[in-house]
Amino acid sequence: MITGKQRAYLRKLAHDIEPIFQIGKEGITDSFLDGLDKALVKREIVKVHILETALLDTKAACNEVAEKLRGEPVQAIGNKFTIYRKSSEEKYRKIELPKK
């Protein structure tokens, strides 16, 4: 569980990154989760765009994806959300969270 201060720090980091994944009309699929899981290992923080055809609530989708991937929901605004998870591989760990 991350603190509010850590979440604010992650929001600041995620501000300038572009979404690299989209959720379409099929919703949250296994292949989407697999790709996002691999991206989280290498990037630690990922932004996702939900297309209008998906008919999903952004906050609910963010929480569901974070729970399935054992990540932390950082932010859900409009049709985009951000997920963070500390990389399982030491060589990809770039983000140093503020102390609790």
N, C-alpha and C. Protein backbone atom coordinates (compact mmCIF):
# COMPACT_ATOMS: atom_id res chain seq x y z
N MET A 1 0.85 -1.18 0.00
CA MET A 1 0.00 0.00 0.00
C MET A 1 0.89 1.24 0.00
N ILE A 2 0.59 2.17 -0.88
CA ILE A 2 1.38 3.39 -0.93
C ILE A 2 0.65 4.53 -0.24
N THR A 3 1.42 5.49 0.24
CA THR A 3 0.84 6.62 0.95
C THR A 3 0.39 7.70 -0.04
N GLY A 4 -0.32 8.69 0.48
CA GLY A 4 -0.76 9.81 -0.35
C GLY A 4 0.40 10.58 -0.94
N LYS A 5 1.47 10.74 -0.15
CA LYS A 5 2.66 11.44 -0.62
C LYS A 5 3.32 10.68 -1.77
N GLN A 6 3.39 9.36 -1.63
CA GLN A 6 3.98 8.54 -2.69
C GLN A 6 3.11 8.56 -3.94
N ARG A 7 1.79 8.52 -3.75
CA ARG A 7 0.86 8.58 -4.88
C ARG A 7 1.00 9.90 -5.63
N ALA A 8 1.15 11.00 -4.89
CA ALA A 8 1.34 12.31 -5.52
C ALA A 8 2.65 12.35 -6.32
N TYR A 9 3.68 11.73 -5.78
CA TYR A 9 4.96 11.65 -6.49
C TYR A 9 4.81 10.87 -7.79
N LEU A 10 4.09 9.74 -7.74
CA LEU A 10 3.87 8.92 -8.93
C LEU A 10 3.01 9.65 -9.96
N ARG A 11 2.02 10.41 -9.49
CA ARG A 11 1.19 11.21 -10.41
C ARG A 11 2.06 12.22 -11.16
N LYS A 12 3.00 12.83 -10.43
CA LYS A 12 3.92 13.79 -11.05
C LYS A 12 4.77 13.12 -12.12
N LEU A 13 5.27 11.93 -11.84
CA LEU A 13 6.07 11.19 -12.81
C LEU A 13 5.25 10.80 -14.04
N ALA A 14 4.00 10.45 -13.82
CA ALA A 14 3.15 9.95 -14.91
C ALA A 14 2.56 11.05 -15.76
N HIS A 15 2.65 12.28 -15.31
CA HIS A 15 2.01 13.39 -16.01
C HIS A 15 2.39 13.47 -17.48
N ASP A 16 3.67 13.31 -17.79
CA ASP A 16 4.16 13.50 -19.16
C ASP A 16 4.20 12.23 -20.00
N ILE A 17 3.93 11.07 -19.41
CA ILE A 17 4.00 9.85 -20.22
C ILE A 17 2.70 9.66 -21.00
N GLU A 18 2.84 9.05 -22.17
CA GLU A 18 1.69 8.77 -23.03
C GLU A 18 1.14 7.38 -22.72
N PRO A 19 -0.17 7.18 -22.92
CA PRO A 19 -0.72 5.84 -22.73
C PRO A 19 -0.12 4.87 -23.74
N ILE A 20 0.30 3.69 -23.29
CA ILE A 20 0.86 2.71 -24.21
C ILE A 20 -0.08 1.53 -24.42
N PHE A 21 -1.18 1.50 -23.69
CA PHE A 21 -2.18 0.45 -23.85
C PHE A 21 -3.56 1.06 -23.99
N GLN A 22 -4.45 0.34 -24.69
CA GLN A 22 -5.83 0.76 -24.83
C GLN A 22 -6.74 -0.40 -24.46
N ILE A 23 -7.87 -0.06 -23.85
CA ILE A 23 -8.89 -1.06 -23.59
C ILE A 23 -10.03 -0.75 -24.55
N GLY A 24 -10.38 -1.73 -25.37
CA GLY A 24 -11.43 -1.55 -26.37
C GLY A 24 -12.72 -2.21 -25.97
N LYS A 25 -13.54 -2.52 -26.98
CA LYS A 25 -14.88 -3.06 -26.71
C LYS A 25 -14.86 -4.44 -26.07
N GLU A 26 -13.75 -5.17 -26.19
CA GLU A 26 -13.65 -6.48 -25.55
C GLU A 26 -13.42 -6.37 -24.05
N GLY A 27 -13.03 -5.19 -23.59
CA GLY A 27 -12.82 -4.98 -22.16
C GLY A 27 -11.44 -5.46 -21.73
N ILE A 28 -11.35 -5.85 -20.48
CA ILE A 28 -10.07 -6.28 -19.90
C ILE A 28 -9.89 -7.77 -20.19
N THR A 29 -9.02 -8.07 -21.16
CA THR A 29 -8.80 -9.45 -21.59
C THR A 29 -7.51 -10.00 -20.98
N ASP A 30 -7.34 -11.31 -21.09
CA ASP A 30 -6.12 -11.94 -20.58
C ASP A 30 -4.89 -11.46 -21.35
N SER A 31 -5.02 -11.27 -22.66
CA SER A 31 -3.87 -10.82 -23.45
C SER A 31 -3.49 -9.38 -23.07
N PHE A 32 -4.50 -8.54 -22.78
CA PHE A 32 -4.23 -7.18 -22.32
C PHE A 32 -3.47 -7.21 -21.00
N LEU A 33 -3.94 -8.04 -20.06
CA LEU A 33 -3.30 -8.14 -18.74
C LEU A 33 -1.88 -8.68 -18.86
N ASP A 34 -1.66 -9.63 -19.77
CA ASP A 34 -0.33 -10.20 -19.97
C ASP A 34 0.63 -9.14 -20.50
N GLY A 35 0.19 -8.37 -21.48
CA GLY A 35 1.03 -7.31 -22.03
C GLY A 35 1.33 -6.23 -21.01
N LEU A 36 0.32 -5.85 -20.24
CA LEU A 36 0.50 -4.82 -19.21
C LEU A 36 1.42 -5.31 -18.11
N ASP A 37 1.32 -6.59 -17.77
CA ASP A 37 2.19 -7.18 -16.77
C ASP A 37 3.66 -7.08 -17.20
N LYS A 38 3.94 -7.40 -18.47
CA LYS A 38 5.30 -7.32 -18.99
C LYS A 38 5.79 -5.88 -19.03
N ALA A 39 4.90 -4.95 -19.37
CA ALA A 39 5.27 -3.54 -19.42
C ALA A 39 5.59 -3.02 -18.02
N LEU A 40 4.84 -3.46 -17.02
CA LEU A 40 5.08 -3.02 -15.65
C LEU A 40 6.43 -3.50 -15.13
N VAL A 41 6.87 -4.67 -15.58
CA VAL A 41 8.18 -5.18 -15.17
C VAL A 41 9.27 -4.25 -15.68
N LYS A 42 9.13 -3.78 -16.93
CA LYS A 42 10.17 -2.96 -17.53
C LYS A 42 10.05 -1.48 -17.23
N ARG A 43 8.81 -0.98 -17.01
CA ARG A 43 8.62 0.47 -16.84
C ARG A 43 8.22 0.88 -15.43
N GLU A 44 7.60 0.01 -14.68
CA GLU A 44 7.10 0.24 -13.32
C GLU A 44 5.85 1.11 -13.27
N ILE A 45 5.71 2.07 -14.16
CA ILE A 45 4.51 2.91 -14.18
C ILE A 45 3.98 2.97 -15.62
N VAL A 46 2.68 2.71 -15.77
CA VAL A 46 2.08 2.63 -17.10
C VAL A 46 0.75 3.36 -17.11
N LYS A 47 0.51 4.08 -18.21
CA LYS A 47 -0.75 4.78 -18.38
C LYS A 47 -1.57 4.04 -19.44
N VAL A 48 -2.88 3.90 -19.18
CA VAL A 48 -3.79 3.15 -20.06
C VAL A 48 -4.94 4.07 -20.49
N HIS A 49 -5.33 3.95 -21.75
CA HIS A 49 -6.44 4.72 -22.31
C HIS A 49 -7.62 3.78 -22.52
N ILE A 50 -8.80 4.18 -22.08
CA ILE A 50 -10.02 3.40 -22.29
C ILE A 50 -10.82 4.03 -23.42
N LEU A 51 -11.06 3.27 -24.47
CA LEU A 51 -11.83 3.78 -25.60
C LEU A 51 -13.31 3.89 -25.23
N GLU A 52 -14.02 4.78 -25.91
CA GLU A 52 -15.44 4.98 -25.62
C GLU A 52 -16.26 3.72 -25.85
N THR A 53 -15.83 2.88 -26.79
CA THR A 53 -16.57 1.65 -27.10
C THR A 53 -16.49 0.61 -25.99
N ALA A 54 -15.55 0.79 -25.05
CA ALA A 54 -15.38 -0.18 -23.97
C ALA A 54 -16.52 -0.13 -22.97
N LEU A 55 -17.15 1.05 -22.82
CA LEU A 55 -18.26 1.22 -21.88
C LEU A 55 -17.88 0.79 -20.45
N LEU A 56 -16.66 1.11 -20.05
CA LEU A 56 -16.18 0.79 -18.70
C LEU A 56 -16.04 2.06 -17.88
N ASP A 57 -16.24 1.94 -16.58
CA ASP A 57 -15.96 3.03 -15.67
C ASP A 57 -14.45 3.06 -15.43
N THR A 58 -13.85 4.21 -15.58
CA THR A 58 -12.40 4.33 -15.49
C THR A 58 -11.86 3.90 -14.14
N LYS A 59 -12.47 4.37 -13.08
CA LYS A 59 -11.98 4.05 -11.73
C LYS A 59 -12.13 2.56 -11.43
N ALA A 60 -13.27 1.98 -11.82
CA ALA A 60 -13.50 0.55 -11.59
C ALA A 60 -12.51 -0.29 -12.39
N ALA A 61 -12.27 0.10 -13.64
CA ALA A 61 -11.32 -0.62 -14.49
C ALA A 61 -9.91 -0.53 -13.92
N CYS A 62 -9.55 0.65 -13.43
CA CYS A 62 -8.23 0.86 -12.83
C CYS A 62 -8.04 -0.04 -11.62
N ASN A 63 -9.03 -0.07 -10.75
CA ASN A 63 -8.95 -0.91 -9.55
C ASN A 63 -8.90 -2.39 -9.89
N GLU A 64 -9.68 -2.81 -10.89
CA GLU A 64 -9.70 -4.21 -11.29
C GLU A 64 -8.35 -4.64 -11.85
N VAL A 65 -7.79 -3.83 -12.74
CA VAL A 65 -6.49 -4.15 -13.34
C VAL A 65 -5.40 -4.16 -12.27
N ALA A 66 -5.41 -3.18 -11.39
CA ALA A 66 -4.40 -3.12 -10.32
C ALA A 66 -4.48 -4.35 -9.42
N GLU A 67 -5.69 -4.77 -9.11
CA GLU A 67 -5.87 -5.94 -8.25
C GLU A 67 -5.36 -7.21 -8.93
N LYS A 68 -5.70 -7.37 -10.21
CA LYS A 68 -5.30 -8.58 -10.93
C LYS A 68 -3.79 -8.64 -11.15
N LEU A 69 -3.14 -7.48 -11.27
CA LEU A 69 -1.70 -7.46 -11.53
C LEU A 69 -0.87 -7.16 -10.28
N ARG A 70 -1.53 -7.11 -9.11
CA ARG A 70 -0.87 -6.82 -7.85
C ARG A 70 -0.11 -5.50 -7.91
N GLY A 71 -0.73 -4.51 -8.53
CA GLY A 71 -0.14 -3.18 -8.64
C GLY A 71 -0.90 -2.19 -7.79
N GLU A 72 -0.52 -0.94 -7.90
CA GLU A 72 -1.18 0.14 -7.16
C GLU A 72 -1.84 1.09 -8.14
N PRO A 73 -3.14 1.35 -7.95
CA PRO A 73 -3.76 2.38 -8.79
C PRO A 73 -3.22 3.75 -8.37
N VAL A 74 -2.75 4.52 -9.34
CA VAL A 74 -2.17 5.83 -9.04
C VAL A 74 -3.20 6.92 -9.27
N GLN A 75 -3.84 6.87 -10.45
CA GLN A 75 -4.77 7.93 -10.80
C GLN A 75 -5.73 7.43 -11.87
N ALA A 76 -6.97 7.88 -11.79
CA ALA A 76 -7.98 7.57 -12.81
C ALA A 76 -8.77 8.83 -13.09
N ILE A 77 -8.52 9.43 -14.25
CA ILE A 77 -9.19 10.68 -14.64
C ILE A 77 -9.68 10.55 -16.06
N GLY A 78 -10.92 10.96 -16.29
CA GLY A 78 -11.48 10.92 -17.64
C GLY A 78 -11.50 9.50 -18.17
N ASN A 79 -10.81 9.27 -19.28
CA ASN A 79 -10.77 7.93 -19.85
C ASN A 79 -9.36 7.34 -19.80
N LYS A 80 -8.53 7.83 -18.85
CA LYS A 80 -7.18 7.31 -18.69
C LYS A 80 -6.92 6.97 -17.23
N PHE A 81 -6.11 5.95 -17.02
CA PHE A 81 -5.69 5.63 -15.66
C PHE A 81 -4.23 5.20 -15.66
N THR A 82 -3.63 5.29 -14.47
CA THR A 82 -2.22 4.99 -14.29
C THR A 82 -2.05 3.93 -13.21
N ILE A 83 -1.18 2.96 -13.50
CA ILE A 83 -0.89 1.86 -12.58
C ILE A 83 0.61 1.84 -12.28
N TYR A 84 0.95 1.55 -11.02
CA TYR A 84 2.35 1.43 -10.62
C TYR A 84 2.57 0.07 -9.95
N ARG A 85 3.70 -0.53 -10.24
CA ARG A 85 4.13 -1.74 -9.53
C ARG A 85 5.66 -1.78 -9.57
N LYS A 86 6.25 -1.97 -8.42
CA LYS A 86 7.71 -2.08 -8.36
C LYS A 86 8.15 -3.27 -9.20
N SER A 87 9.16 -3.06 -10.02
CA SER A 87 9.62 -4.10 -10.93
C SER A 87 10.17 -5.30 -10.15
N SER A 88 9.87 -6.47 -10.66
CA SER A 88 10.35 -7.70 -10.03
C SER A 88 11.81 -7.97 -10.40
N GLU A 89 12.32 -7.27 -11.43
CA GLU A 89 13.71 -7.44 -11.85
C GLU A 89 14.52 -6.22 -11.43
N GLU A 90 15.59 -6.48 -10.73
CA GLU A 90 16.43 -5.41 -10.17
C GLU A 90 16.92 -4.43 -11.23
N LYS A 91 17.27 -4.91 -12.40
CA LYS A 91 17.86 -4.03 -13.43
C LYS A 91 16.87 -3.00 -13.98
N TYR A 92 15.57 -3.23 -13.81
CA TYR A 92 14.56 -2.30 -14.31
C TYR A 92 14.03 -1.34 -13.24
N ARG A 93 14.48 -1.45 -12.02
CA ARG A 93 13.98 -0.58 -10.96
C ARG A 93 14.58 0.81 -11.09
N LYS A 94 13.73 1.78 -11.46
CA LYS A 94 14.20 3.15 -11.65
C LYS A 94 13.53 4.13 -10.67
N ILE A 95 12.32 3.79 -10.26
CA ILE A 95 11.54 4.72 -9.44
C ILE A 95 11.83 4.48 -7.96
N GLU A 96 12.27 5.53 -7.30
CA GLU A 96 12.52 5.49 -5.86
C GLU A 96 11.42 6.29 -5.18
N LEU A 97 10.53 5.60 -4.48
CA LEU A 97 9.42 6.28 -3.80
C LEU A 97 9.90 7.03 -2.57
N PRO A 98 9.26 8.17 -2.25
CA PRO A 98 9.58 8.86 -0.99
C PRO A 98 9.29 7.94 0.20
N LYS A 99 10.04 8.12 1.26
CA LYS A 99 9.85 7.28 2.45
C LYS A 99 8.49 7.52 3.08
N LYS A 100 7.96 6.49 3.73
CA LYS A 100 6.64 6.58 4.36
C LYS A 100 6.68 7.46 5.57
